[in-house]
Amino acid sequence: MTTDLFQGITQWNVERNGTIRRLPYFYYDILSIAAVYTASTNRVRRLLPHSDLLPIELVPGRCLVAFAAFEYRKSDGDPYNEFNISFLVSHRRRPIPLVTLARALASRVYPSYVWQLPVTTEHARAGGVDLFGYPKFIADIQVSQDPNRVECTLSDAGSDIIRMTGRCLPTKRGKPIRYLTYAIDDSVLLSANFLLAPHEFGESRRKSDLVLEIGTEHTICQALHSIRLARHPLIYQFCPRGEMILFPGRNVRDA
């Protein structure tokens, strides 16, 4: 069931590298689970490809890594699943430990560099790579839910990467959340906005409400182990029903 989120927004065809999409891109029915962990700032900084992207820290030496699974059940294209691994960052402006994070939480605007973004369909991969510079690749992403828990498993070529299991939290209608994403396309830093309207939303800071299991063999697993992730999440968000808009990407120099 849609709301007025999409009213008054004009869509137009955008073509690049032979890929055509109607943008902004509308998602009419989604499920998402997300968790934020701390990690070594020095180790994460090595994975950031642009000097203008500065890790946001909880405390000096410990920055923030976000894991999010999405089940896009109805959109402008075919249904698909996605798994996002991002580093929360500030663009050019030097972040202040805890203060910058507190401002992001208060404004519900989360800026992040998209480090890995596997998806389950070629349509989703091509659109993300060609139009936004996102590091998308095809992988096996399974999302399941029962009355008590929701789970997402990510694997690639038979190699287990991540299993994320969360409790189905009590929900209520949530306030809009904006994800400001950064990606690199041919050495150019691009930004794009997602606007999420969480119709059912729950949030928890209990350590036991979400478990993240990371494999050992895949290169993504090895990189994640190297950044010294915390054992438990700072925050876990559960959204079993929502709508979302992906706005066109642009060069950060045009922001």
C-alpha atoms as a PDB file:
ATOM      1  CA  MET A   1       0.000   0.000   0.000  1.00  0.00           C
ATOM      2  CA  THR A   2       1.545   3.301  -1.111  1.00  0.00           C
ATOM      3  CA  THR A   3       1.292   6.698   0.579  1.00  0.00           C
ATOM      4  CA  ASP A   4       1.929  10.234  -0.610  1.00  0.00           C
ATOM      5  CA  LEU A   5       5.732   9.783  -0.532  1.00  0.00           C
ATOM      6  CA  PHE A   6       5.960   9.788  -4.338  1.00  0.00           C
ATOM      7  CA  GLN A   7       3.516  12.606  -5.022  1.00  0.00           C
ATOM      8  CA  GLY A   8       4.910  15.702  -6.708  1.00  0.00           C
ATOM      9  CA  ILE A   9       8.146  13.994  -7.794  1.00  0.00           C
ATOM     10  CA  THR A  10       8.774  13.955 -11.540  1.00  0.00           C
ATOM     11  CA  GLN A  11      10.612  10.995 -13.049  1.00  0.00           C
ATOM     12  CA  TRP A  12      12.592  11.101 -16.274  1.00  0.00           C
ATOM     13  CA  ASN A  13      14.683   8.663 -18.289  1.00  0.00           C
ATOM     14  CA  VAL A  14      18.434   8.786 -17.670  1.00  0.00           C
ATOM     15  CA  GLU A  15      20.905   6.925 -19.906  1.00  0.00           C
ATOM     16  CA  ARG A  16      24.574   6.192 -19.297  1.00  0.00           C
ATOM     17  CA  ASN A  17      26.842   3.452 -20.625  1.00  0.00           C
ATOM     18  CA  GLY A  18      23.871   1.977 -22.462  1.00  0.00           C
ATOM     19  CA  THR A  19      21.803   1.614 -19.283  1.00  0.00           C
ATOM     20  CA  ILE A  20      18.478   3.458 -19.091  1.00  0.00           C
ATOM     21  CA  ARG A  21      16.529   3.942 -15.882  1.00  0.00           C
ATOM     22  CA  ARG A  22      13.613   6.102 -14.861  1.00  0.00           C
ATOM     23  CA  LEU A  23      14.856   8.373 -12.063  1.00  0.00           C
ATOM     24  CA  PRO A  24      14.195   9.071  -9.273  1.00  0.00           C
ATOM     25  CA  TYR A  25      13.700   5.340  -8.740  1.00  0.00           C
ATOM     26  CA  PHE A  26      10.703   4.348  -6.628  1.00  0.00           C
ATOM     27  CA  TYR A  27      10.535   1.408  -4.186  1.00  0.00           C
ATOM     28  CA  TYR A  28       6.926   0.775  -3.168  1.00  0.00           C
ATOM     29  CA  ASP A  29       7.365  -2.098  -0.710  1.00  0.00           C
ATOM     30  CA  ILE A  30      10.594  -2.969   1.098  1.00  0.00           C
ATOM     31  CA  LEU A  31      11.911  -4.821   4.130  1.00  0.00           C
ATOM     32  CA  SER A  32      15.190  -3.769   5.709  1.00  0.00           C
ATOM     33  CA  ILE A  33      17.348  -4.617   8.695  1.00  0.00           C
ATOM     34  CA  ALA A  34      20.417  -2.601   9.603  1.00  0.00           C
ATOM     35  CA  ALA A  35      23.088  -2.528  12.286  1.00  0.00           C
ATOM     36  CA  VAL A  36      25.975  -0.203  13.101  1.00  0.00           C
ATOM     37  CA  TYR A  37      29.252  -1.436  14.607  1.00  0.00           C
ATOM     38  CA  THR A  38      32.445   0.265  15.659  1.00  0.00           C
ATOM     39  CA  ALA A  39      35.775  -0.558  14.025  1.00  0.00           C
ATOM     40  CA  SER A  40      39.361   0.642  13.964  1.00  0.00           C
ATOM     41  CA  THR A  41      39.503   4.093  12.374  1.00  0.00           C
ATOM     42  CA  ASN A  42      43.019   3.555  11.066  1.00  0.00           C
ATOM     43  CA  ARG A  43      42.072   0.229   9.470  1.00  0.00           C
ATOM     44  CA  VAL A  44      38.894   1.605   7.864  1.00  0.00           C
ATOM     45  CA  ARG A  45      40.707   4.662   6.545  1.00  0.00           C
ATOM     46  CA  ARG A  46      42.823   2.330   4.389  1.00  0.00           C
ATOM     47  CA  LEU A  47      39.635   1.143   2.638  1.00  0.00           C
ATOM     48  CA  LEU A  48      38.405   4.633   1.798  1.00  0.00           C
ATOM     49  CA  PRO A  49      39.384   5.536  -1.783  1.00  0.00           C
ATOM     50  CA  HIS A  50      39.213   9.325  -1.509  1.00  0.00           C
ATOM     51  CA  SER A  51      41.013  11.714   0.840  1.00  0.00           C
ATOM     52  CA  ASP A  52      37.901  13.916   1.180  1.00  0.00           C
ATOM     53  CA  LEU A  53      36.033  11.092   2.936  1.00  0.00           C
ATOM     54  CA  LEU A  54      36.738  11.130   6.677  1.00  0.00           C
ATOM     55  CA  PRO A  55      35.490   8.372   9.030  1.00  0.00           C
ATOM     56  CA  ILE A  56      32.902   9.400  11.617  1.00  0.00           C
ATOM     57  CA  GLU A  57      33.989   8.223  15.061  1.00  0.00           C
ATOM     58  CA  LEU A  58      32.154   7.257  18.211  1.00  0.00           C
ATOM     59  CA  VAL A  59      35.317   7.873  20.213  1.00  0.00           C
ATOM     60  CA  PRO A  60      38.848   8.609  19.001  1.00  0.00           C
ATOM     61  CA  GLY A  61      40.174   5.557  17.188  1.00  0.00           C
ATOM     62  CA  ARG A  62      36.787   3.837  16.752  1.00  0.00           C
ATOM     63  CA  CYS A  63      34.731   4.673  13.668  1.00  0.00           C
ATOM     64  CA  LEU A  64      31.396   3.328  12.425  1.00  0.00           C
ATOM     65  CA  VAL A  65      30.511   0.550   9.978  1.00  0.00           C
ATOM     66  CA  ALA A  66      26.950  -0.102   8.814  1.00  0.00           C
ATOM     67  CA  PHE A  67      25.508  -3.394   7.580  1.00  0.00           C
ATOM     68  CA  ALA A  68      22.080  -3.361   5.932  1.00  0.00           C
ATOM     69  CA  ALA A  69      19.998  -5.974   4.148  1.00  0.00           C
ATOM     70  CA  PHE A  70      17.150  -5.006   1.826  1.00  0.00           C
ATOM     71  CA  GLU A  71      14.356  -7.003   0.287  1.00  0.00           C
ATOM     72  CA  TYR A  72      12.874  -4.880  -2.500  1.00  0.00           C
ATOM     73  CA  ARG A  73       9.532  -6.578  -2.983  1.00  0.00           C
ATOM     74  CA  LYS A  74       7.989  -4.026  -5.367  1.00  0.00           C
ATOM     75  CA  SER A  75       9.739  -1.237  -7.246  1.00  0.00           C
ATOM     76  CA  ASP A  76       9.983   0.379 -10.674  1.00  0.00           C
ATOM     77  CA  GLY A  77      11.841  -2.768 -11.771  1.00  0.00           C
ATOM     78  CA  ASP A  78      11.772  -6.440 -10.858  1.00  0.00           C
ATOM     79  CA  PRO A  79      12.054  -7.543  -7.198  1.00  0.00           C
ATOM     80  CA  TYR A  80      15.580  -8.087  -5.892  1.00  0.00           C
ATOM     81  CA  ASN A  81      17.631  -8.309  -2.697  1.00  0.00           C
ATOM     82  CA  GLU A  82      20.650  -6.242  -1.693  1.00  0.00           C
ATOM     83  CA  PHE A  83      23.280  -6.178   1.040  1.00  0.00           C
ATOM     84  CA  ASN A  84      25.041  -2.915   1.863  1.00  0.00           C
ATOM     85  CA  ILE A  85      28.338  -2.583   3.742  1.00  0.00           C
ATOM     86  CA  SER A  86      29.189   1.071   4.322  1.00  0.00           C
ATOM     87  CA  PHE A  87      31.478   3.278   6.358  1.00  0.00           C
ATOM     88  CA  LEU A  88      29.925   6.365   7.933  1.00  0.00           C
ATOM     89  CA  VAL A  89      31.871   9.366   6.704  1.00  0.00           C
ATOM     90  CA  SER A  90      32.008  13.115   6.602  1.00  0.00           C
ATOM     91  CA  HIS A  91      32.825  14.823   3.305  1.00  0.00           C
ATOM     92  CA  ARG A  92      35.716  17.271   3.697  1.00  0.00           C
ATOM     93  CA  ARG A  93      34.506  18.587   7.074  1.00  0.00           C
ATOM     94  CA  ARG A  94      36.562  17.003   9.843  1.00  0.00           C
ATOM     95  CA  PRO A  95      34.176  15.030  12.085  1.00  0.00           C
ATOM     96  CA  ILE A  96      34.190  15.424  15.863  1.00  0.00           C
ATOM     97  CA  PRO A  97      34.068  12.129  17.795  1.00  0.00           C
ATOM     98  CA  LEU A  98      30.551  11.442  19.107  1.00  0.00           C
ATOM     99  CA  VAL A  99      29.323  14.972  18.204  1.00  0.00           C
ATOM    100  CA  THR A 100      29.099  14.322  14.455  1.00  0.00           C
ATOM    101  CA  LEU A 101      27.363  11.008  15.102  1.00  0.00           C
ATOM    102  CA  ALA A 102      24.909  12.652  17.492  1.00  0.00           C
ATOM    103  CA  ARG A 103      24.034  15.220  14.835  1.00  0.00           C
ATOM    104  CA  ALA A 104      23.448  12.494  12.273  1.00  0.00           C
ATOM    105  CA  LEU A 105      21.161  10.608  14.648  1.00  0.00           C
ATOM    106  CA  ALA A 106      19.238  13.764  15.538  1.00  0.00           C
ATOM    107  CA  SER A 107      18.746  14.794  11.903  1.00  0.00           C
ATOM    108  CA  ARG A 108      18.196  11.210  10.677  1.00  0.00           C
ATOM    109  CA  VAL A 109      20.650  11.875   7.830  1.00  0.00           C
ATOM    110  CA  TYR A 110      23.329   9.184   7.554  1.00  0.00           C
ATOM    111  CA  PRO A 111      26.294   9.925   5.249  1.00  0.00           C
ATOM    112  CA  SER A 112      28.292   6.875   4.197  1.00  0.00           C
ATOM    113  CA  TYR A 113      30.752   5.542   1.656  1.00  0.00           C
ATOM    114  CA  VAL A 114      29.326   2.425   0.012  1.00  0.00           C
ATOM    115  CA  TRP A 115      32.126  -0.135   0.200  1.00  0.00           C
ATOM    116  CA  GLN A 116      30.308  -3.282  -0.974  1.00  0.00           C
ATOM    117  CA  LEU A 117      26.828  -3.579  -2.504  1.00  0.00           C
ATOM    118  CA  PRO A 118      25.996  -7.074  -3.785  1.00  0.00           C
ATOM    119  CA  VAL A 119      22.578  -7.602  -5.399  1.00  0.00           C
ATOM    120  CA  THR A 120      20.648 -10.541  -6.822  1.00  0.00           C
ATOM    121  CA  THR A 121      19.732  -9.381 -10.366  1.00  0.00           C
ATOM    122  CA  GLU A 122      21.596  -8.076 -13.393  1.00  0.00           C
ATOM    123  CA  HIS A 123      19.061  -5.263 -13.792  1.00  0.00           C
ATOM    124  CA  ALA A 124      19.931  -3.973 -10.320  1.00  0.00           C
ATOM    125  CA  ARG A 125      23.669  -4.433 -10.836  1.00  0.00           C
ATOM    126  CA  ALA A 126      23.800  -2.588 -14.170  1.00  0.00           C
ATOM    127  CA  GLY A 127      21.719   0.325 -12.940  1.00  0.00           C
ATOM    128  CA  GLY A 128      23.807   0.791  -9.804  1.00  0.00           C
ATOM    129  CA  VAL A 129      27.175   0.520 -11.548  1.00  0.00           C
ATOM    130  CA  ASP A 130      26.421   2.515 -14.700  1.00  0.00           C
ATOM    131  CA  LEU A 131      24.371   5.331 -13.184  1.00  0.00           C
ATOM    132  CA  PHE A 132      25.727   5.690  -9.642  1.00  0.00           C
ATOM    133  CA  GLY A 133      29.185   4.139  -9.551  1.00  0.00           C
ATOM    134  CA  TYR A 134      28.098   1.720  -6.836  1.00  0.00           C
ATOM    135  CA  PRO A 135      30.329  -1.352  -6.297  1.00  0.00           C
ATOM    136  CA  LYS A 136      27.572  -3.822  -7.158  1.00  0.00           C
ATOM    137  CA  PHE A 137      28.076  -7.459  -8.086  1.00  0.00           C
ATOM    138  CA  ILE A 138      25.780 -10.462  -8.381  1.00  0.00           C
ATOM    139  CA  ALA A 139      25.598 -12.658  -5.274  1.00  0.00           C
ATOM    140  CA  ASP A 140      23.237 -15.002  -3.467  1.00  0.00           C
ATOM    141  CA  ILE A 141      21.243 -13.015  -0.880  1.00  0.00           C
ATOM    142  CA  GLN A 142      18.479 -14.803   0.993  1.00  0.00           C
ATOM    143  CA  VAL A 143      16.062 -12.975   3.278  1.00  0.00           C
ATOM    144  CA  SER A 144      13.637 -14.851   5.534  1.00  0.00           C
ATOM    145  CA  GLN A 145      11.312 -13.876   8.353  1.00  0.00           C
ATOM    146  CA  ASP A 146       9.148 -15.658  10.906  1.00  0.00           C
ATOM    147  CA  PRO A 147       7.175 -14.180  13.819  1.00  0.00           C
ATOM    148  CA  ASN A 148      10.268 -14.000  16.024  1.00  0.00           C
ATOM    149  CA  ARG A 149      13.265 -13.267  13.841  1.00  0.00           C
ATOM    150  CA  VAL A 150      14.449 -11.992  10.483  1.00  0.00           C
ATOM    151  CA  GLU A 151      17.578 -13.306   8.792  1.00  0.00           C
ATOM    152  CA  CYS A 152      19.714 -12.445   5.798  1.00  0.00           C
ATOM    153  CA  THR A 153      22.499 -14.627   4.403  1.00  0.00           C
ATOM    154  CA  LEU A 154      25.026 -13.380   1.851  1.00  0.00           C
ATOM    155  CA  SER A 155      27.227 -15.754  -0.152  1.00  0.00           C
ATOM    156  CA  ASP A 156      29.228 -15.559  -3.357  1.00  0.00           C
ATOM    157  CA  ALA A 157      30.233 -18.485  -5.572  1.00  0.00           C
ATOM    158  CA  GLY A 158      29.457 -20.920  -2.772  1.00  0.00           C
ATOM    159  CA  SER A 159      31.481 -19.011  -0.203  1.00  0.00           C
ATOM    160  CA  ASP A 160      29.611 -17.803   2.903  1.00  0.00           C
ATOM    161  CA  ILE A 161      30.220 -14.121   3.584  1.00  0.00           C
ATOM    162  CA  ILE A 162      27.720 -12.858   6.178  1.00  0.00           C
ATOM    163  CA  ARG A 163      24.744 -14.070   8.143  1.00  0.00           C
ATOM    164  CA  MET A 164      22.764 -11.342   9.929  1.00  0.00           C
ATOM    165  CA  THR A 165      19.996 -12.436  12.295  1.00  0.00           C
ATOM    166  CA  GLY A 166      17.783  -9.999  14.160  1.00  0.00           C
ATOM    167  CA  ARG A 167      14.834 -10.115  16.485  1.00  0.00           C
ATOM    168  CA  CYS A 168      11.495  -8.968  15.071  1.00  0.00           C
ATOM    169  CA  LEU A 169      11.097  -5.879  17.224  1.00  0.00           C
ATOM    170  CA  PRO A 170       7.820  -4.186  18.140  1.00  0.00           C
ATOM    171  CA  THR A 171       7.196  -1.523  15.503  1.00  0.00           C
ATOM    172  CA  LYS A 172       5.435   1.758  14.972  1.00  0.00           C
ATOM    173  CA  ARG A 173       5.389   4.289  12.164  1.00  0.00           C
ATOM    174  CA  GLY A 174       8.874   5.790  11.878  1.00  0.00           C
ATOM    175  CA  LYS A 175      10.090   9.208  10.833  1.00  0.00           C
ATOM    176  CA  PRO A 176      11.746   9.585   7.397  1.00  0.00           C
ATOM    177  CA  ILE A 177      15.418   8.599   7.180  1.00  0.00           C
ATOM    178  CA  ARG A 178      17.806   9.953   4.560  1.00  0.00           C
ATOM    179  CA  TYR A 179      20.896   8.020   3.459  1.00  0.00           C
ATOM    180  CA  LEU A 180      23.492  10.216   1.763  1.00  0.00           C
ATOM    181  CA  THR A 181      25.761   7.806  -0.100  1.00  0.00           C
ATOM    182  CA  TYR A 182      29.167   8.294  -1.672  1.00  0.00           C
ATOM    183  CA  ALA A 183      30.727   6.149  -4.386  1.00  0.00           C
ATOM    184  CA  ILE A 184      33.651   6.342  -6.811  1.00  0.00           C
ATOM    185  CA  ASP A 185      33.127   6.248 -10.583  1.00  0.00           C
ATOM    186  CA  ASP A 186      36.259   6.530 -12.749  1.00  0.00           C
ATOM    187  CA  SER A 187      38.087   8.346  -9.916  1.00  0.00           C
ATOM    188  CA  VAL A 188      35.187  10.826  -9.583  1.00  0.00           C
ATOM    189  CA  LEU A 189      33.421  11.069  -6.230  1.00  0.00           C
ATOM    190  CA  LEU A 190      29.641  10.854  -6.637  1.00  0.00           C
ATOM    191  CA  SER A 191      26.849  11.322  -4.118  1.00  0.00           C
ATOM    192  CA  ALA A 192      23.230  10.172  -4.130  1.00  0.00           C
ATOM    193  CA  ASN A 193      20.306  10.352  -1.738  1.00  0.00           C
ATOM    194  CA  PHE A 194      17.951   7.620  -0.562  1.00  0.00           C
ATOM    195  CA  LEU A 195      14.804   8.702   1.273  1.00  0.00           C
ATOM    196  CA  LEU A 196      13.221   5.938   3.372  1.00  0.00           C
ATOM    197  CA  ALA A 197       9.688   6.178   4.759  1.00  0.00           C
ATOM    198  CA  PRO A 198       9.527   3.405   7.403  1.00  0.00           C
ATOM    199  CA  HIS A 199       5.851   2.563   7.840  1.00  0.00           C
ATOM    200  CA  GLU A 200       6.743  -0.076  10.433  1.00  0.00           C
ATOM    201  CA  PHE A 201       9.928   0.600  12.377  1.00  0.00           C
ATOM    202  CA  GLY A 202      11.671  -0.682  15.484  1.00  0.00           C
ATOM    203  CA  GLU A 203      15.045   0.178  16.990  1.00  0.00           C
ATOM    204  CA  SER A 204      17.126  -1.491  19.668  1.00  0.00           C
ATOM    205  CA  ARG A 205      20.421  -1.018  21.481  1.00  0.00           C
ATOM    206  CA  ARG A 206      20.292  -4.423  23.166  1.00  0.00           C
ATOM    207  CA  LYS A 207      23.356  -6.431  22.203  1.00  0.00           C
ATOM    208  CA  SER A 208      21.433  -9.680  21.944  1.00  0.00           C
ATOM    209  CA  ASP A 209      18.845  -8.412  19.439  1.00  0.00           C
ATOM    210  CA  LEU A 210      21.132  -8.809  16.435  1.00  0.00           C
ATOM    211  CA  VAL A 211      23.891 -11.287  15.632  1.00  0.00           C
ATOM    212  CA  LEU A 212      26.357 -10.762  12.796  1.00  0.00           C
ATOM    213  CA  GLU A 213      28.389 -13.769  11.657  1.00  0.00           C
ATOM    214  CA  ILE A 214      31.238 -13.216   9.192  1.00  0.00           C
ATOM    215  CA  GLY A 215      32.854 -16.030   7.216  1.00  0.00           C
ATOM    216  CA  THR A 216      36.566 -16.559   6.720  1.00  0.00           C
ATOM    217  CA  GLU A 217      37.418 -17.437   3.118  1.00  0.00           C
ATOM    218  CA  HIS A 218      35.987 -14.672   0.945  1.00  0.00           C
ATOM    219  CA  THR A 219      38.071 -11.525   0.399  1.00  0.00           C
ATOM    220  CA  ILE A 220      35.246  -9.412   1.856  1.00  0.00           C
ATOM    221  CA  CYS A 221      35.382 -11.515   5.028  1.00  0.00           C
ATOM    222  CA  GLN A 222      39.133 -11.103   5.291  1.00  0.00           C
ATOM    223  CA  ALA A 223      38.844  -7.329   4.954  1.00  0.00           C
ATOM    224  CA  LEU A 224      36.098  -7.158   7.579  1.00  0.00           C
ATOM    225  CA  HIS A 225      38.136  -9.210  10.034  1.00  0.00           C
ATOM    226  CA  SER A 226      41.091  -6.885   9.455  1.00  0.00           C
ATOM    227  CA  ILE A 227      39.233  -3.735  10.604  1.00  0.00           C
ATOM    228  CA  ARG A 228      38.678  -5.084  14.127  1.00  0.00           C
ATOM    229  CA  LEU A 229      34.913  -4.889  14.330  1.00  0.00           C
ATOM    230  CA  ALA A 230      33.259  -4.757  17.739  1.00  0.00           C
ATOM    231  CA  ARG A 231      31.549  -7.943  18.891  1.00  0.00           C
ATOM    232  CA  HIS A 232      28.141  -6.322  19.297  1.00  0.00           C
ATOM    233  CA  PRO A 233      26.229  -3.592  17.448  1.00  0.00           C
ATOM    234  CA  LEU A 234      25.691  -0.082  18.745  1.00  0.00           C
ATOM    235  CA  ILE A 235      22.239   0.051  17.234  1.00  0.00           C
ATOM    236  CA  TYR A 236      19.900  -2.279  15.351  1.00  0.00           C
ATOM    237  CA  GLN A 237      17.017  -1.106  13.150  1.00  0.00           C
ATOM    238  CA  PHE A 238      14.147  -3.287  11.936  1.00  0.00           C
ATOM    239  CA  CYS A 239      11.802  -2.113   9.167  1.00  0.00           C
ATOM    240  CA  PRO A 240       9.477  -4.863   7.897  1.00  0.00           C
ATOM    241  CA  ARG A 241       7.526  -2.471   5.680  1.00  0.00           C
ATOM    242  CA  GLY A 242       8.469   0.803   4.064  1.00  0.00           C
ATOM    243  CA  GLU A 243       8.792   2.844   0.889  1.00  0.00           C
ATOM    244  CA  MET A 244      11.907   4.451  -0.543  1.00  0.00           C
ATOM    245  CA  ILE A 245      13.122   6.816  -3.244  1.00  0.00           C
ATOM    246  CA  LEU A 246      16.582   6.748  -4.862  1.00  0.00           C
ATOM    247  CA  PHE A 247      17.386  10.169  -6.300  1.00  0.00           C
ATOM    248  CA  PRO A 248      19.815  10.676  -9.217  1.00  0.00           C
ATOM    249  CA  GLY A 249      23.525  10.689  -8.427  1.00  0.00           C
ATOM    250  CA  ARG A 250      25.745  13.696  -9.035  1.00  0.00           C
ATOM    251  CA  ASN A 251      29.340  14.814  -8.851  1.00  0.00           C
ATOM    252  CA  VAL A 252      30.074  16.121  -5.339  1.00  0.00           C
ATOM    253  CA  ARG A 253      31.431  19.312  -6.897  1.00  0.00           C
ATOM    254  CA  ASP A 254      27.846  20.010  -7.978  1.00  0.00           C
ATOM    255  CA  ALA A 255      26.502  19.583  -4.437  1.00  0.00           C
END
